[in-house]
Amino acid sequence: MTDGIRDRVRSAVHDAARSAGRTYERARREFNEGQSSRLDLPRDDDGNARIVCRRYAERRAVRVDGQGRPECFDAGHPDCEGCAEDVRDGRVETW
């Protein structure tokens, strides 16, 4: 195989891999957004869930991922773990 052909094949494989990566990331993001939108929570004009933070006892408008975790979620903190569980179960305090 000549160097020119080898370079074209390498470039084509590289381009295909990048395209597949972008497609995967877009699908993952859309899936997570779809999962969070199915949670029945009040939303602000930007689509953020309006919840009351259990850890700091304050109102927050935050994105919620597909696993029911608010973007302010701190793994391992008992209040955050309980909040995420309440979001998933649909019993989180809202405003």
Protein backbone atom coordinates (compact mmCIF):
# COMPACT_ATOMS: atom_id res chain seq x y z
CA MET A 1 0.00 0.00 0.00
CA THR A 2 1.42 3.37 -0.94
CA ASP A 3 1.82 6.17 1.56
CA GLY A 4 -0.89 8.24 -0.16
CA ILE A 5 -3.47 5.47 0.05
CA ARG A 6 -2.47 4.70 3.64
CA ASP A 7 -2.90 8.37 4.59
CA ARG A 8 -6.34 8.53 2.94
CA VAL A 9 -7.48 5.35 4.71
CA ARG A 10 -6.15 6.63 8.04
CA SER A 11 -7.93 9.96 7.49
CA ALA A 12 -11.20 8.25 6.55
CA VAL A 13 -11.07 6.04 9.66
CA HIS A 14 -10.26 9.04 11.83
CA ASP A 15 -13.15 11.07 10.36
CA ALA A 16 -15.58 8.16 10.83
CA ALA A 17 -14.51 7.72 14.46
CA ARG A 18 -14.97 11.44 15.19
CA SER A 19 -18.38 11.41 13.56
CA ALA A 20 -19.42 8.35 15.59
CA GLY A 21 -18.22 10.07 18.77
CA ARG A 22 -20.26 13.20 18.03
CA THR A 23 -23.33 11.10 17.22
CA TYR A 24 -22.94 9.13 20.46
CA GLU A 25 -22.56 12.29 22.56
CA ARG A 26 -25.60 13.92 20.95
CA ALA A 27 -27.71 10.78 21.54
CA ARG A 28 -26.52 10.51 25.16
CA ARG A 29 -27.33 14.17 25.84
CA GLU A 30 -30.78 13.90 24.22
CA PHE A 31 -31.51 10.73 26.18
CA ASN A 32 -30.58 12.39 29.48
CA GLU A 33 -32.64 15.48 28.66
CA GLY A 34 -35.58 13.27 27.73
CA GLN A 35 -35.28 11.34 30.97
CA SER A 36 -35.20 14.50 33.07
CA SER A 37 -38.10 16.05 31.20
CA ARG A 38 -40.32 13.10 32.06
CA LEU A 39 -39.99 13.90 35.77
CA ASP A 40 -43.12 15.76 36.77
CA LEU A 41 -41.52 18.82 38.37
CA PRO A 42 -42.46 22.48 38.06
CA ARG A 43 -40.12 24.28 35.66
CA ASP A 44 -38.92 27.82 35.14
CA ASP A 45 -38.82 29.55 31.73
CA ASP A 46 -35.43 27.96 30.98
CA GLY A 47 -36.70 24.43 31.65
CA ASN A 48 -34.92 24.08 35.00
CA ALA A 49 -36.69 22.16 37.76
CA ARG A 50 -37.78 24.35 40.67
CA ILE A 51 -36.86 22.42 43.81
CA VAL A 52 -36.08 23.27 47.41
CA CYS A 53 -32.53 22.23 48.30
CA ARG A 54 -32.60 19.85 51.21
CA ARG A 55 -29.00 20.57 52.15
CA TYR A 56 -29.22 24.37 52.30
CA ALA A 57 -33.02 24.80 52.63
CA GLU A 58 -33.20 27.26 49.72
CA ARG A 59 -35.14 27.49 46.49
CA ARG A 60 -33.17 26.50 43.39
CA ALA A 61 -33.88 26.26 39.70
CA VAL A 62 -31.60 23.49 38.44
CA ARG A 63 -31.23 20.97 35.65
CA VAL A 64 -31.94 17.38 36.63
CA ASP A 65 -30.10 14.55 34.87
CA GLY A 66 -31.60 11.31 33.63
CA GLN A 67 -30.92 9.63 36.96
CA GLY A 68 -32.89 12.24 38.92
CA ARG A 69 -29.85 14.08 40.25
CA PRO A 70 -29.99 17.89 40.38
CA GLU A 71 -26.92 19.62 38.91
CA CYS A 72 -25.94 20.71 42.45
CA PHE A 73 -25.85 17.04 43.58
CA ASP A 74 -22.89 16.14 45.81
CA ALA A 75 -22.38 12.37 45.78
CA GLY A 76 -22.00 10.92 49.24
CA HIS A 77 -23.68 13.79 51.07
CA PRO A 78 -26.74 12.40 52.87
CA ASP A 79 -28.95 15.43 52.13
CA CYS A 80 -28.05 15.32 48.41
CA GLU A 81 -28.55 11.56 48.22
CA GLY A 82 -31.97 11.95 49.87
CA CYS A 83 -32.89 14.82 47.56
CA ALA A 84 -32.04 12.81 44.44
CA GLU A 85 -34.09 9.90 45.75
CA ASP A 86 -37.03 12.24 46.40
CA VAL A 87 -36.71 13.70 42.88
CA ARG A 88 -36.83 10.21 41.37
CA ASP A 89 -39.81 9.28 43.53
CA GLY A 90 -41.61 12.54 42.72
CA ARG A 91 -41.86 13.69 46.31
CA VAL A 92 -39.24 16.45 46.40
CA GLU A 93 -40.34 19.83 47.77
CA THR A 94 -40.89 22.31 44.94
CA TRP A 95 -41.88 25.94 44.53
